[in-house]
Every structure is written in C-alpha cells, then in structure tokens.
Amino acid sequence: MSPNEYVARLIEIGRRLYDRGLVVAAEGNVSMRDDDGRIYISASGTCLGRLDPSDIVEIGDFSGVKKPSSEYRVHVTVYENRPDIGAVCHAHPPHATAFAVTGTDFPRPLLPEAVLFVGPVATVGYETPGTEKLAENLKRYLGGHNVFLLKNHGVVTLGQNPEEAFGRMEMVENLARIAYIASALGKTEPLGEDEIRRLEKIGKSLNSDRSADD
C-alpha cells in the first residue's frame, strides 16, 4: 500500500471510533505500521472524528508542523514487542473505561465473542499519560493480551490491521455494557472453563485462517 492508503485507513478508523462514541473531542489516538516498519499515528490534539491527511504523521519524521500523539511511546512499545501487530487504537469507551477507573477487573467471559475475538483483558497500573513509565507498564502484559484497561485512563486494543484493532475496541465496550446491564438484573453466569477452552481452540483456528488469507 502507498502512504496515502495507510493515512486513509487511519482516518476512517478515527471516524468510526468517534461516531460510535468511543472517543469525544480530542481523546484517543490511532496508529498503523507499514510493511517497511514506518509508524503512522494521529497527531497530538486532534479530534479522531475529524481527521484529515495532515493529521496523520510519521513517528520519527519531524519535518511536519504537527507533532505525533503524546501517547506515541505506547504505540512504539507495542510494535517493538509484537511483530504480529499492525495497528493500535487508544480510546475511552465509557463502560469499559468505567471498569478501569474503579479498579474493577474485567468480567470473566459471558459470551463466546469475549473468547473468540477479544481474549483476556489486562488491567495496567496507572502512570501519567504520555510517559515512558506507562509504556513500560503496558509492556509487561503484551505477551498474552490484545486488550488493555489503563487504570484511570482508558482502553488500548491491538490488531493485525486497523479494522481488527477497532473491532476489538467496539466489542470490549459492548461486552462491558452487557456486563453492567446484566449486573443490574441479577447474578451473571460466566462461561464454564471447559467451554472457554473449546472456544480458545476455535479462536486459534480462526486466527490461523485470517493470517493465511493475509
């Protein structure tokens, strides 16, 4: 793909995040890594719902007027430690972020989709946004997770491409909303361990098929 195509995909993902209410105003950031290892990221202080090509900058290229998102360290840390990842989304989905700000662990899987498409959700300890310490905290969980609750901050999701990273963000918010509504109705009944193991095997097969298609 050309640089313009990478830029266009990030603009579209930013719009989706904004339209779905997963970010407001200048919240959040999105990035994508190209085949040559260059990282494109939304610029600092931009509204993801109103990005234009000048709002997507290359990390390490200081020739432009706009600076990369202050959270670029998190994105770089992901790409340095996860060669399978091609895109990162950071947003503040209200229900999922509510778990992060209350220090509540994300619920055990209630639906098959939680296992098939989201996987285990890590809770990452708070550090000031934009700092190396926050990136270091996240790094500890990168080996076994694609979704992270940042305590008192928001949510980060990873994907092979921007669409997958966005899909995980959208789904983790929906799962959090369902868990919140279900808790008001009564006791929730998570999936059993045997069923989770079966679904994990199915998920690995689905991931293998997607990788083969790519």
N, C-alpha and C. Protein backbone atom coordinates (compact mmCIF):
# COMPACT_ATOMS: atom_id res chain seq x y z
N MET A 1 0.83 -1.20 0.00
CA MET A 1 0.00 0.00 0.00
C MET A 1 0.87 1.25 0.00
N SER A 2 0.33 2.31 -0.55
CA SER A 2 1.04 3.59 -0.54
C SER A 2 0.81 4.30 0.78
N PRO A 3 1.66 5.27 1.14
CA PRO A 3 1.42 6.05 2.37
C PRO A 3 0.03 6.65 2.42
N ASN A 4 -0.49 7.10 1.29
CA ASN A 4 -1.83 7.69 1.27
C ASN A 4 -2.91 6.69 1.67
N GLU A 5 -2.69 5.42 1.32
CA GLU A 5 -3.67 4.40 1.69
C GLU A 5 -3.64 4.13 3.19
N TYR A 6 -2.45 4.11 3.78
CA TYR A 6 -2.36 3.96 5.23
C TYR A 6 -3.06 5.13 5.93
N VAL A 7 -2.82 6.31 5.44
CA VAL A 7 -3.43 7.52 6.02
C VAL A 7 -4.94 7.43 5.92
N ALA A 8 -5.46 7.02 4.77
CA ALA A 8 -6.91 6.94 4.57
C ALA A 8 -7.54 5.93 5.52
N ARG A 9 -6.87 4.81 5.76
CA ARG A 9 -7.43 3.80 6.67
C ARG A 9 -7.47 4.31 8.10
N LEU A 10 -6.45 5.03 8.52
CA LEU A 10 -6.46 5.58 9.88
C LEU A 10 -7.52 6.65 10.04
N ILE A 11 -7.71 7.47 9.02
CA ILE A 11 -8.77 8.49 9.08
C ILE A 11 -10.13 7.82 9.24
N GLU A 12 -10.35 6.73 8.50
CA GLU A 12 -11.63 6.02 8.59
C GLU A 12 -11.83 5.41 9.97
N ILE A 13 -10.78 4.82 10.54
CA ILE A 13 -10.91 4.21 11.87
C ILE A 13 -11.15 5.29 12.93
N GLY A 14 -10.49 6.42 12.81
CA GLY A 14 -10.75 7.52 13.73
C GLY A 14 -12.20 7.96 13.67
N ARG A 15 -12.75 8.04 12.46
CA ARG A 15 -14.15 8.45 12.31
C ARG A 15 -15.08 7.42 12.96
N ARG A 16 -14.78 6.13 12.77
CA ARG A 16 -15.62 5.09 13.37
C ARG A 16 -15.60 5.18 14.90
N LEU A 17 -14.41 5.37 15.47
CA LEU A 17 -14.31 5.48 16.93
C LEU A 17 -15.15 6.65 17.44
N TYR A 18 -15.09 7.77 16.74
CA TYR A 18 -15.84 8.96 17.14
C TYR A 18 -17.34 8.75 16.96
N ASP A 19 -17.73 8.20 15.82
CA ASP A 19 -19.15 8.01 15.54
C ASP A 19 -19.79 7.02 16.51
N ARG A 20 -19.03 6.07 17.00
CA ARG A 20 -19.55 5.08 17.94
C ARG A 20 -19.50 5.56 19.38
N GLY A 21 -19.04 6.80 19.60
CA GLY A 21 -18.99 7.33 20.95
C GLY A 21 -17.88 6.74 21.80
N LEU A 22 -16.86 6.19 21.17
CA LEU A 22 -15.75 5.59 21.91
C LEU A 22 -14.68 6.62 22.25
N VAL A 23 -14.75 7.79 21.61
CA VAL A 23 -13.93 8.95 21.94
C VAL A 23 -14.78 10.20 21.74
N VAL A 24 -14.41 11.28 22.42
CA VAL A 24 -15.02 12.58 22.18
C VAL A 24 -13.91 13.62 22.10
N ALA A 25 -14.24 14.78 21.54
CA ALA A 25 -13.29 15.90 21.46
C ALA A 25 -11.93 15.40 20.93
N ALA A 26 -10.86 15.70 21.68
CA ALA A 26 -9.51 15.33 21.22
C ALA A 26 -8.99 14.08 21.93
N GLU A 27 -9.90 13.23 22.43
CA GLU A 27 -9.48 12.00 23.09
C GLU A 27 -8.91 11.00 22.08
N GLY A 28 -8.07 10.11 22.58
CA GLY A 28 -7.66 8.92 21.85
C GLY A 28 -6.63 9.15 20.77
N ASN A 29 -6.13 8.06 20.24
CA ASN A 29 -5.15 8.08 19.16
C ASN A 29 -5.15 6.74 18.46
N VAL A 30 -4.74 6.75 17.20
CA VAL A 30 -4.70 5.53 16.39
C VAL A 30 -3.39 5.50 15.62
N SER A 31 -2.89 4.30 15.36
CA SER A 31 -1.65 4.18 14.59
C SER A 31 -1.67 2.92 13.75
N MET A 32 -0.75 2.89 12.80
CA MET A 32 -0.62 1.74 11.90
C MET A 32 0.83 1.63 11.47
N ARG A 33 1.31 0.39 11.35
CA ARG A 33 2.69 0.16 10.91
C ARG A 33 2.67 -0.37 9.48
N ASP A 34 3.51 0.20 8.61
CA ASP A 34 3.53 -0.27 7.23
C ASP A 34 4.53 -1.42 7.06
N ASP A 35 4.62 -1.94 5.86
CA ASP A 35 5.44 -3.12 5.60
C ASP A 35 6.94 -2.85 5.77
N ASP A 36 7.31 -1.59 5.75
CA ASP A 36 8.72 -1.22 5.92
C ASP A 36 9.04 -0.80 7.35
N GLY A 37 8.06 -0.93 8.26
CA GLY A 37 8.30 -0.60 9.66
C GLY A 37 8.01 0.84 10.04
N ARG A 38 7.59 1.66 9.09
CA ARG A 38 7.23 3.04 9.44
C ARG A 38 5.90 3.04 10.19
N ILE A 39 5.81 3.93 11.18
CA ILE A 39 4.60 4.01 12.01
C ILE A 39 3.90 5.34 11.75
N TYR A 40 2.64 5.25 11.34
CA TYR A 40 1.80 6.43 11.14
C TYR A 40 0.84 6.55 12.32
N ILE A 41 0.69 7.75 12.85
CA ILE A 41 -0.12 7.95 14.05
C ILE A 41 -0.87 9.28 13.97
N SER A 42 -2.02 9.35 14.64
CA SER A 42 -2.76 10.61 14.67
C SER A 42 -1.95 11.65 15.44
N ALA A 43 -2.07 12.89 15.01
CA ALA A 43 -1.30 13.97 15.60
C ALA A 43 -1.86 14.37 16.96
N SER A 44 -1.03 15.00 17.75
CA SER A 44 -1.41 15.48 19.08
C SER A 44 -2.53 16.52 18.97
N GLY A 45 -3.52 16.38 19.87
CA GLY A 45 -4.57 17.38 19.96
C GLY A 45 -5.61 17.35 18.87
N THR A 46 -5.68 16.26 18.09
CA THR A 46 -6.65 16.19 17.01
C THR A 46 -7.90 15.43 17.43
N CYS A 47 -9.02 15.76 16.82
CA CYS A 47 -10.27 15.03 17.02
C CYS A 47 -10.30 13.87 16.05
N LEU A 48 -10.42 12.65 16.55
CA LEU A 48 -10.37 11.48 15.69
C LEU A 48 -11.53 11.44 14.70
N GLY A 49 -12.62 12.11 15.03
CA GLY A 49 -13.76 12.12 14.13
C GLY A 49 -13.63 13.09 12.99
N ARG A 50 -12.62 13.95 13.04
CA ARG A 50 -12.47 14.99 12.01
C ARG A 50 -11.03 15.05 11.47
N LEU A 51 -10.39 13.91 11.38
CA LEU A 51 -9.02 13.87 10.88
C LEU A 51 -8.98 14.18 9.38
N ASP A 52 -7.92 14.86 8.98
CA ASP A 52 -7.63 14.98 7.55
C ASP A 52 -6.19 14.49 7.36
N PRO A 53 -5.73 14.32 6.12
CA PRO A 53 -4.40 13.73 5.90
C PRO A 53 -3.27 14.42 6.65
N SER A 54 -3.38 15.72 6.89
CA SER A 54 -2.31 16.42 7.60
C SER A 54 -2.27 16.05 9.08
N ASP A 55 -3.34 15.39 9.57
CA ASP A 55 -3.41 15.00 10.98
C ASP A 55 -2.80 13.62 11.23
N ILE A 56 -2.32 12.96 10.19
CA ILE A 56 -1.63 11.68 10.33
C ILE A 56 -0.15 11.92 10.07
N VAL A 57 0.67 11.65 11.07
CA VAL A 57 2.10 11.93 10.96
C VAL A 57 2.90 10.65 11.15
N GLU A 58 4.12 10.67 10.66
CA GLU A 58 5.01 9.52 10.80
C GLU A 58 5.89 9.72 12.02
N ILE A 59 5.91 8.73 12.90
CA ILE A 59 6.78 8.81 14.08
C ILE A 59 8.24 8.83 13.62
N GLY A 60 8.99 9.80 14.12
CA GLY A 60 10.38 9.94 13.74
C GLY A 60 10.61 10.94 12.64
N ASP A 61 9.52 11.39 11.99
CA ASP A 61 9.65 12.40 10.94
C ASP A 61 9.25 13.74 11.53
N PHE A 62 10.22 14.61 11.74
CA PHE A 62 9.96 15.89 12.39
C PHE A 62 9.90 17.05 11.39
N SER A 63 9.68 16.70 10.13
CA SER A 63 9.65 17.75 9.10
C SER A 63 8.30 18.46 9.04
N GLY A 64 7.27 17.84 9.60
CA GLY A 64 5.93 18.43 9.54
C GLY A 64 5.70 19.42 10.66
N VAL A 65 4.58 20.13 10.53
CA VAL A 65 4.21 21.13 11.55
C VAL A 65 3.63 20.45 12.78
N LYS A 66 2.88 19.36 12.58
CA LYS A 66 2.17 18.72 13.68
C LYS A 66 3.02 17.64 14.33
N LYS A 67 2.82 17.49 15.64
CA LYS A 67 3.55 16.51 16.42
C LYS A 67 2.72 15.24 16.57
N PRO A 68 3.37 14.07 16.71
CA PRO A 68 2.60 12.85 16.95
C PRO A 68 1.91 12.89 18.30
N SER A 69 0.89 12.09 18.45
CA SER A 69 0.21 11.98 19.74
C SER A 69 1.21 11.80 20.87
N SER A 70 0.90 12.39 22.01
CA SER A 70 1.78 12.27 23.17
C SER A 70 1.89 10.83 23.65
N GLU A 71 0.96 9.95 23.21
CA GLU A 71 0.98 8.55 23.61
C GLU A 71 1.81 7.69 22.65
N TYR A 72 2.62 8.31 21.81
CA TYR A 72 3.36 7.54 20.80
C TYR A 72 4.25 6.48 21.43
N ARG A 73 4.71 6.70 22.67
CA ARG A 73 5.59 5.70 23.31
C ARG A 73 4.87 4.36 23.49
N VAL A 74 3.60 4.41 23.83
CA VAL A 74 2.82 3.18 23.97
C VAL A 74 2.77 2.45 22.64
N HIS A 75 2.49 3.17 21.56
CA HIS A 75 2.39 2.56 20.25
C HIS A 75 3.72 1.95 19.83
N VAL A 76 4.81 2.68 20.02
CA VAL A 76 6.13 2.17 19.64
C VAL A 76 6.47 0.91 20.44
N THR A 77 6.17 0.92 21.73
CA THR A 77 6.44 -0.25 22.58
C THR A 77 5.69 -1.48 22.07
N VAL A 78 4.44 -1.28 21.67
CA VAL A 78 3.67 -2.40 21.11
C VAL A 78 4.36 -2.96 19.87
N TYR A 79 4.70 -2.10 18.94
CA TYR A 79 5.30 -2.56 17.68
C TYR A 79 6.67 -3.20 17.88
N GLU A 80 7.43 -2.70 18.85
CA GLU A 80 8.75 -3.27 19.10
C GLU A 80 8.65 -4.67 19.70
N ASN A 81 7.58 -4.96 20.39
CA ASN A 81 7.47 -6.22 21.12
C ASN A 81 6.46 -7.20 20.53
N ARG A 82 5.67 -6.74 19.56
CA ARG A 82 4.68 -7.61 18.95
C ARG A 82 4.76 -7.51 17.42
N PRO A 83 5.62 -8.32 16.79
CA PRO A 83 5.76 -8.25 15.34
C PRO A 83 4.49 -8.62 14.59
N ASP A 84 3.56 -9.29 15.27
CA ASP A 84 2.30 -9.69 14.63
C ASP A 84 1.28 -8.56 14.57
N ILE A 85 1.55 -7.47 15.25
CA ILE A 85 0.59 -6.37 15.36
C ILE A 85 0.89 -5.29 14.33
N GLY A 86 -0.16 -4.85 13.64
CA GLY A 86 -0.01 -3.82 12.63
C GLY A 86 -0.76 -2.54 12.93
N ALA A 87 -1.55 -2.52 14.03
CA ALA A 87 -2.33 -1.32 14.33
C ALA A 87 -2.68 -1.28 15.81
N VAL A 88 -2.82 -0.05 16.33
CA VAL A 88 -3.15 0.17 17.74
C VAL A 88 -4.22 1.26 17.83
N CYS A 89 -5.22 1.01 18.67
CA CYS A 89 -6.24 2.02 18.98
C CYS A 89 -6.21 2.34 20.47
N HIS A 90 -6.27 3.60 20.81
CA HIS A 90 -6.45 4.01 22.20
C HIS A 90 -7.68 4.91 22.25
N ALA A 91 -8.63 4.55 23.12
CA ALA A 91 -9.89 5.29 23.21
C ALA A 91 -10.39 5.27 24.65
N HIS A 92 -11.54 5.94 24.87
CA HIS A 92 -12.15 5.99 26.19
C HIS A 92 -13.60 5.51 26.13
N PRO A 93 -13.84 4.28 25.71
CA PRO A 93 -15.21 3.76 25.68
C PRO A 93 -15.81 3.79 27.08
N PRO A 94 -16.98 4.41 27.26
CA PRO A 94 -17.47 4.71 28.61
C PRO A 94 -17.61 3.51 29.54
N HIS A 95 -18.25 2.44 29.10
CA HIS A 95 -18.49 1.31 30.01
C HIS A 95 -17.18 0.58 30.33
N ALA A 96 -16.36 0.33 29.32
CA ALA A 96 -15.09 -0.34 29.58
C ALA A 96 -14.18 0.52 30.43
N THR A 97 -14.17 1.82 30.17
CA THR A 97 -13.33 2.72 30.97
C THR A 97 -13.82 2.80 32.41
N ALA A 98 -15.12 2.60 32.62
CA ALA A 98 -15.65 2.59 33.99
C ALA A 98 -15.01 1.49 34.81
N PHE A 99 -14.73 0.34 34.19
CA PHE A 99 -14.01 -0.72 34.90
C PHE A 99 -12.60 -0.24 35.24
N ALA A 100 -11.98 0.49 34.31
CA ALA A 100 -10.60 0.96 34.52
C ALA A 100 -10.52 1.98 35.65
N VAL A 101 -11.51 2.87 35.75
CA VAL A 101 -11.42 3.93 36.75
C VAL A 101 -11.87 3.46 38.14
N THR A 102 -12.57 2.34 38.20
CA THR A 102 -12.96 1.79 39.50
C THR A 102 -12.01 0.70 39.98
N GLY A 103 -11.01 0.37 39.14
CA GLY A 103 -10.08 -0.69 39.52
C GLY A 103 -10.74 -2.06 39.53
N THR A 104 -11.82 -2.20 38.76
CA THR A 104 -12.56 -3.46 38.70
C THR A 104 -12.03 -4.32 37.57
N ASP A 105 -11.68 -5.56 37.88
CA ASP A 105 -11.23 -6.47 36.82
C ASP A 105 -12.34 -6.67 35.79
N PHE A 106 -11.95 -6.80 34.54
CA PHE A 106 -12.95 -7.03 33.51
C PHE A 106 -13.62 -8.37 33.77
N PRO A 107 -14.93 -8.49 33.51
CA PRO A 107 -15.65 -9.73 33.84
C PRO A 107 -15.12 -10.95 33.10
N ARG A 108 -15.24 -12.09 33.76
CA ARG A 108 -14.97 -13.35 33.07
C ARG A 108 -15.90 -13.46 31.87
N PRO A 109 -15.50 -14.21 30.84
CA PRO A 109 -16.29 -14.26 29.61
C PRO A 109 -17.75 -14.65 29.86
N LEU A 110 -18.65 -13.79 29.38
CA LEU A 110 -20.08 -14.05 29.46
C LEU A 110 -20.64 -14.51 28.12
N LEU A 111 -19.95 -14.16 27.03
CA LEU A 111 -20.38 -14.51 25.68
C LEU A 111 -19.22 -15.16 24.94
N PRO A 112 -19.50 -16.02 23.95
CA PRO A 112 -18.42 -16.63 23.18
C PRO A 112 -17.50 -15.61 22.52
N GLU A 113 -18.06 -14.47 22.09
CA GLU A 113 -17.26 -13.45 21.42
C GLU A 113 -16.13 -12.92 22.30
N ALA A 114 -16.34 -12.96 23.61
CA ALA A 114 -15.31 -12.48 24.53
C ALA A 114 -14.05 -13.33 24.42
N VAL A 115 -14.24 -14.60 24.13
CA VAL A 115 -13.10 -15.52 23.98
C VAL A 115 -12.58 -15.51 22.55
N LEU A 116 -13.50 -15.55 21.58
CA LEU A 116 -13.13 -15.71 20.19
C LEU A 116 -12.41 -14.49 19.62
N PHE A 117 -12.84 -13.29 20.01
CA PHE A 117 -12.35 -12.09 19.34
C PHE A 117 -11.64 -11.08 20.24
N VAL A 118 -11.88 -11.17 21.55
CA VAL A 118 -11.26 -10.21 22.46
C VAL A 118 -10.12 -10.84 23.23
N GLY A 119 -10.35 -12.00 23.83
CA GLY A 119 -9.33 -12.66 24.62
C GLY A 119 -9.22 -12.05 26.01
N PRO A 120 -8.24 -12.47 26.78
CA PRO A 120 -8.09 -11.94 28.14
C PRO A 120 -7.80 -10.44 28.11
N VAL A 121 -8.39 -9.75 29.07
CA VAL A 121 -8.23 -8.29 29.17
C VAL A 121 -7.34 -7.98 30.36
N ALA A 122 -6.23 -7.30 30.11
CA ALA A 122 -5.28 -6.96 31.18
C ALA A 122 -5.61 -5.59 31.77
N THR A 123 -5.43 -5.46 33.07
CA THR A 123 -5.54 -4.16 33.73
C THR A 123 -4.14 -3.63 34.00
N VAL A 124 -3.83 -2.48 33.43
CA VAL A 124 -2.49 -1.89 33.51
C VAL A 124 -2.49 -0.76 34.53
N GLY A 125 -1.54 -0.79 35.45
CA GLY A 125 -1.46 0.21 36.51
C GLY A 125 -1.29 1.63 35.97
N TYR A 126 -1.79 2.58 36.72
CA TYR A 126 -1.77 3.98 36.27
C TYR A 126 -0.36 4.57 36.27
N GLU A 127 -0.08 5.31 35.21
CA GLU A 127 1.06 6.22 35.13
C GLU A 127 0.61 7.42 34.32
N THR A 128 1.27 8.54 34.49
CA THR A 128 0.89 9.75 33.78
C THR A 128 0.87 9.49 32.27
N PRO A 129 -0.21 9.86 31.58
CA PRO A 129 -0.28 9.64 30.13
C PRO A 129 0.90 10.27 29.40
N GLY A 130 1.36 9.58 28.38
CA GLY A 130 2.44 10.08 27.55
C GLY A 130 3.83 9.81 28.08
N THR A 131 3.93 9.12 29.22
CA THR A 131 5.25 8.88 29.81
C THR A 131 5.79 7.50 29.45
N GLU A 132 7.10 7.38 29.57
CA GLU A 132 7.75 6.09 29.33
C GLU A 132 7.29 5.04 30.35
N LYS A 133 6.97 5.48 31.56
CA LYS A 133 6.53 4.54 32.59
C LYS A 133 5.23 3.85 32.21
N LEU A 134 4.33 4.60 31.57
CA LEU A 134 3.08 3.98 31.13
C LEU A 134 3.37 2.91 30.08
N ALA A 135 4.24 3.21 29.14
CA ALA A 135 4.61 2.23 28.12
C ALA A 135 5.26 1.00 28.75
N GLU A 136 6.08 1.22 29.77
CA GLU A 136 6.73 0.10 30.45
C GLU A 136 5.70 -0.77 31.18
N ASN A 137 4.71 -0.14 31.80
CA ASN A 137 3.65 -0.90 32.47
C ASN A 137 2.91 -1.79 31.48
N LEU A 138 2.59 -1.22 30.31
CA LEU A 138 1.87 -1.98 29.29
C LEU A 138 2.71 -3.14 28.77
N LYS A 139 3.99 -2.90 28.62
CA LYS A 139 4.89 -3.90 28.05
C LYS A 139 4.82 -5.23 28.79
N ARG A 140 4.61 -5.19 30.09
CA ARG A 140 4.59 -6.40 30.90
C ARG A 140 3.48 -7.36 30.49
N TYR A 141 2.43 -6.83 29.85
CA TYR A 141 1.27 -7.65 29.52
C TYR A 141 1.16 -7.98 28.03
N LEU A 142 2.11 -7.50 27.24
CA LEU A 142 1.97 -7.62 25.79
C LEU A 142 2.01 -9.06 25.30
N GLY A 143 2.68 -9.93 26.03
CA GLY A 143 2.83 -11.30 25.55
C GLY A 143 1.53 -12.07 25.42
N GLY A 144 0.56 -11.80 26.27
CA GLY A 144 -0.65 -12.62 26.28
C GLY A 144 -1.95 -11.88 26.11
N HIS A 145 -1.90 -10.62 25.69
CA HIS A 145 -3.14 -9.83 25.60
C HIS A 145 -3.15 -8.95 24.36
N ASN A 146 -4.37 -8.68 23.88
CA ASN A 146 -4.58 -7.72 22.81
C ASN A 146 -5.49 -6.57 23.23
N VAL A 147 -5.97 -6.64 24.47
CA VAL A 147 -6.85 -5.60 25.01
C VAL A 147 -6.38 -5.24 26.42
N PHE A 148 -6.31 -3.93 26.69
CA PHE A 148 -5.76 -3.46 27.96
C PHE A 148 -6.64 -2.35 28.53
N LEU A 149 -7.01 -2.50 29.81
CA LEU A 149 -7.63 -1.40 30.54
C LEU A 149 -6.52 -0.61 31.20
N LEU A 150 -6.41 0.67 30.87
CA LEU A 150 -5.42 1.53 31.51
C LEU A 150 -6.09 2.19 32.71
N LYS A 151 -5.63 1.86 33.90
CA LYS A 151 -6.28 2.34 35.12
C LYS A 151 -6.38 3.87 35.12
N ASN A 152 -7.58 4.37 35.40
CA ASN A 152 -7.86 5.81 35.42
C ASN A 152 -7.49 6.51 34.12
N HIS A 153 -7.64 5.78 33.02
CA HIS A 153 -7.21 6.37 31.75
C HIS A 153 -8.13 5.97 30.60
N GLY A 154 -8.13 4.70 30.19
CA GLY A 154 -8.92 4.31 29.04
C GLY A 154 -8.60 2.89 28.62
N VAL A 155 -8.70 2.64 27.32
CA VAL A 155 -8.53 1.29 26.79
C VAL A 155 -7.60 1.33 25.58
N VAL A 156 -6.75 0.32 25.46
CA VAL A 156 -5.91 0.13 24.28
C VAL A 156 -6.22 -1.23 23.68
N THR A 157 -6.38 -1.26 22.36
CA THR A 157 -6.60 -2.52 21.67
C THR A 157 -5.61 -2.65 20.51
N LEU A 158 -5.24 -3.90 20.22
CA LEU A 158 -4.26 -4.20 19.18
C LEU A 158 -4.92 -5.04 18.10
N GLY A 159 -4.36 -4.98 16.88
CA GLY A 159 -4.85 -5.81 15.80
C GLY A 159 -3.82 -5.98 14.72
N GLN A 160 -4.02 -6.98 13.87
CA GLN A 160 -3.16 -7.14 12.72
C GLN A 160 -3.30 -5.97 11.76
N ASN A 161 -4.46 -5.31 11.82
CA ASN A 161 -4.74 -4.16 10.96
C ASN A 161 -5.68 -3.22 11.72
N PRO A 162 -5.91 -2.00 11.23
CA PRO A 162 -6.74 -1.05 11.97
C PRO A 162 -8.16 -1.53 12.19
N GLU A 163 -8.70 -2.27 11.22
CA GLU A 163 -10.07 -2.75 11.35
C GLU A 163 -10.21 -3.75 12.50
N GLU A 164 -9.21 -4.60 12.67
CA GLU A 164 -9.25 -5.57 13.78
C GLU A 164 -9.08 -4.86 15.12
N ALA A 165 -8.17 -3.90 15.19
CA ALA A 165 -7.99 -3.16 16.44
C ALA A 165 -9.26 -2.40 16.81
N PHE A 166 -9.90 -1.78 15.82
CA PHE A 166 -11.17 -1.09 16.07
C PHE A 166 -12.25 -2.09 16.50
N GLY A 167 -12.33 -3.23 15.82
CA GLY A 167 -13.33 -4.23 16.17
C GLY A 167 -13.21 -4.69 17.61
N ARG A 168 -11.98 -4.84 18.07
CA ARG A 168 -11.78 -5.25 19.47
C ARG A 168 -12.22 -4.14 20.42
N MET A 169 -11.96 -2.88 20.04
CA MET A 169 -12.39 -1.76 20.88
C MET A 169 -13.92 -1.71 20.96
N GLU A 170 -14.57 -1.85 19.83
CA GLU A 170 -16.02 -1.82 19.78
C GLU A 170 -16.61 -2.97 20.58
N MET A 171 -16.00 -4.15 20.46
CA MET A 171 -16.54 -5.32 21.13
C MET A 171 -16.31 -5.29 22.63
N VAL A 172 -15.13 -4.82 23.07
CA VAL A 172 -14.89 -4.78 24.51
C VAL A 172 -15.84 -3.80 25.18
N GLU A 173 -16.18 -2.71 24.49
CA GLU A 173 -17.17 -1.78 25.04
C GLU A 173 -18.54 -2.44 25.11
N ASN A 174 -18.92 -3.18 24.09
CA ASN A 174 -20.22 -3.85 24.12
C ASN A 174 -20.28 -4.90 25.22
N LEU A 175 -19.20 -5.64 25.41
CA LEU A 175 -19.16 -6.64 26.48
C LEU A 175 -19.26 -5.98 27.85
N ALA A 176 -18.59 -4.84 28.01
CA ALA A 176 -18.66 -4.12 29.28
C ALA A 176 -20.08 -3.60 29.53
N ARG A 177 -20.72 -3.12 28.48
CA ARG A 177 -22.09 -2.61 28.63
C ARG A 177 -23.04 -3.74 29.00
N ILE A 178 -22.90 -4.90 28.34
CA ILE A 178 -23.74 -6.05 28.66
C ILE A 178 -23.52 -6.49 30.11
N ALA A 179 -22.26 -6.53 30.54
CA ALA A 179 -21.96 -6.94 31.91
C ALA A 179 -22.58 -5.98 32.92
N TYR A 180 -22.54 -4.69 32.61
CA TYR A 180 -23.12 -3.68 33.51
C TYR A 180 -24.63 -3.85 33.60
N ILE A 181 -25.29 -4.03 32.46
CA ILE A 181 -26.75 -4.20 32.46
C ILE A 181 -27.12 -5.50 33.17
N ALA A 182 -26.38 -6.57 32.88
CA ALA A 182 -26.68 -7.86 33.48
C ALA A 182 -26.53 -7.82 35.00
N SER A 183 -25.54 -7.07 35.48
CA SER A 183 -25.33 -7.00 36.94
C SER A 183 -26.51 -6.32 37.63
N ALA A 184 -27.19 -5.43 36.91
CA ALA A 184 -28.36 -4.77 37.49
C ALA A 184 -29.57 -5.70 37.54
N LEU A 185 -29.58 -6.71 36.68
CA LEU A 185 -30.69 -7.64 36.62
C LEU A 185 -30.54 -8.79 37.61
N GLY A 186 -29.30 -9.08 37.97
CA GLY A 186 -29.08 -10.18 38.90
C GLY A 186 -27.71 -10.78 38.71
N LYS A 187 -27.52 -11.98 39.21
CA LYS A 187 -26.24 -12.66 39.15
C LYS A 187 -25.92 -13.07 37.71
N THR A 188 -24.71 -12.77 37.27
CA THR A 188 -24.29 -13.19 35.93
C THR A 188 -23.73 -14.61 35.98
N GLU A 189 -23.78 -15.28 34.85
CA GLU A 189 -23.30 -16.66 34.77
C GLU A 189 -22.24 -16.74 33.67
N PRO A 190 -20.97 -16.61 34.04
CA PRO A 190 -19.88 -16.69 33.04
C PRO A 190 -19.84 -18.07 32.38
N LEU A 191 -19.21 -18.12 31.23
CA LEU A 191 -18.99 -19.40 30.57
C LEU A 191 -18.09 -20.29 31.42
N GLY A 192 -18.32 -21.59 31.36
CA GLY A 192 -17.50 -22.54 32.12
C GLY A 192 -16.11 -22.70 31.54
N GLU A 193 -15.21 -23.19 32.34
CA GLU A 193 -13.82 -23.35 31.92
C GLU A 193 -13.69 -24.27 30.71
N ASP A 194 -14.44 -25.37 30.69
CA ASP A 194 -14.35 -26.30 29.56
C ASP A 194 -14.78 -25.62 28.27
N GLU A 195 -15.86 -24.84 28.34
CA GLU A 195 -16.34 -24.15 27.15
C GLU A 195 -15.34 -23.08 26.71
N ILE A 196 -14.72 -22.40 27.66
CA ILE A 196 -13.71 -21.40 27.31
C ILE A 196 -12.55 -22.06 26.57
N ARG A 197 -12.10 -23.23 27.04
CA ARG A 197 -11.01 -23.94 26.37
C ARG A 197 -11.41 -24.32 24.93
N ARG A 198 -12.67 -24.79 24.76
CA ARG A 198 -13.13 -25.14 23.42
C ARG A 198 -13.13 -23.91 22.50
N LEU A 199 -13.62 -22.80 23.03
CA LEU A 199 -13.68 -21.58 22.24
C LEU A 199 -12.29 -21.06 21.91
N GLU A 200 -11.35 -21.22 22.84
CA GLU A 200 -9.97 -20.79 22.56
C GLU A 200 -9.38 -21.57 21.39
N LYS A 201 -9.68 -22.85 21.31
CA LYS A 201 -9.19 -23.65 20.19
C LYS A 201 -9.81 -23.17 18.88
N ILE A 202 -11.10 -22.86 18.92
CA ILE A 202 -11.76 -22.34 17.73
C ILE A 202 -11.15 -21.00 17.34
N GLY A 203 -10.88 -20.16 18.34
CA GLY A 203 -10.29 -18.85 18.08
C GLY A 203 -8.93 -18.96 17.42
N LYS A 204 -8.11 -19.89 17.88
CA LYS A 204 -6.78 -20.08 17.28
C LYS A 204 -6.92 -20.51 15.83
N SER A 205 -7.90 -21.35 15.54
CA SER A 205 -8.12 -21.77 14.17
C SER A 205 -8.57 -20.61 13.29
N LEU A 206 -9.44 -19.77 13.82
CA LEU A 206 -9.90 -18.60 13.08
C LEU A 206 -8.74 -17.65 12.79
N ASN A 207 -7.87 -17.45 13.80
CA ASN A 207 -6.73 -16.57 13.62
C ASN A 207 -5.76 -17.12 12.57
N SER A 208 -5.58 -18.42 12.56
CA SER A 208 -4.70 -19.05 11.56
C SER A 208 -5.25 -18.85 10.16
N ASP A 209 -6.59 -18.98 10.04
CA ASP A 209 -7.22 -18.80 8.73
C ASP A 209 -7.07 -17.36 8.26
N ARG A 210 -7.24 -16.38 9.19
CA ARG A 210 -7.12 -14.98 8.81
C ARG A 210 -5.68 -14.67 8.38
N SER A 211 -4.71 -15.23 9.11
CA SER A 211 -3.31 -14.99 8.77
C SER A 211 -2.98 -15.56 7.39
N ALA A 212 -3.57 -16.73 7.09
CA ALA A 212 -3.33 -17.34 5.79
C ALA A 212 -3.93 -16.49 4.68
N ASP A 213 -5.09 -15.89 4.94
CA ASP A 213 -5.74 -15.03 3.94
C ASP A 213 -4.90 -13.80 3.67
N ASP A 214 -4.26 -13.25 4.74
CA ASP A 214 -3.42 -12.07 4.58
C ASP A 214 -2.20 -12.39 3.73
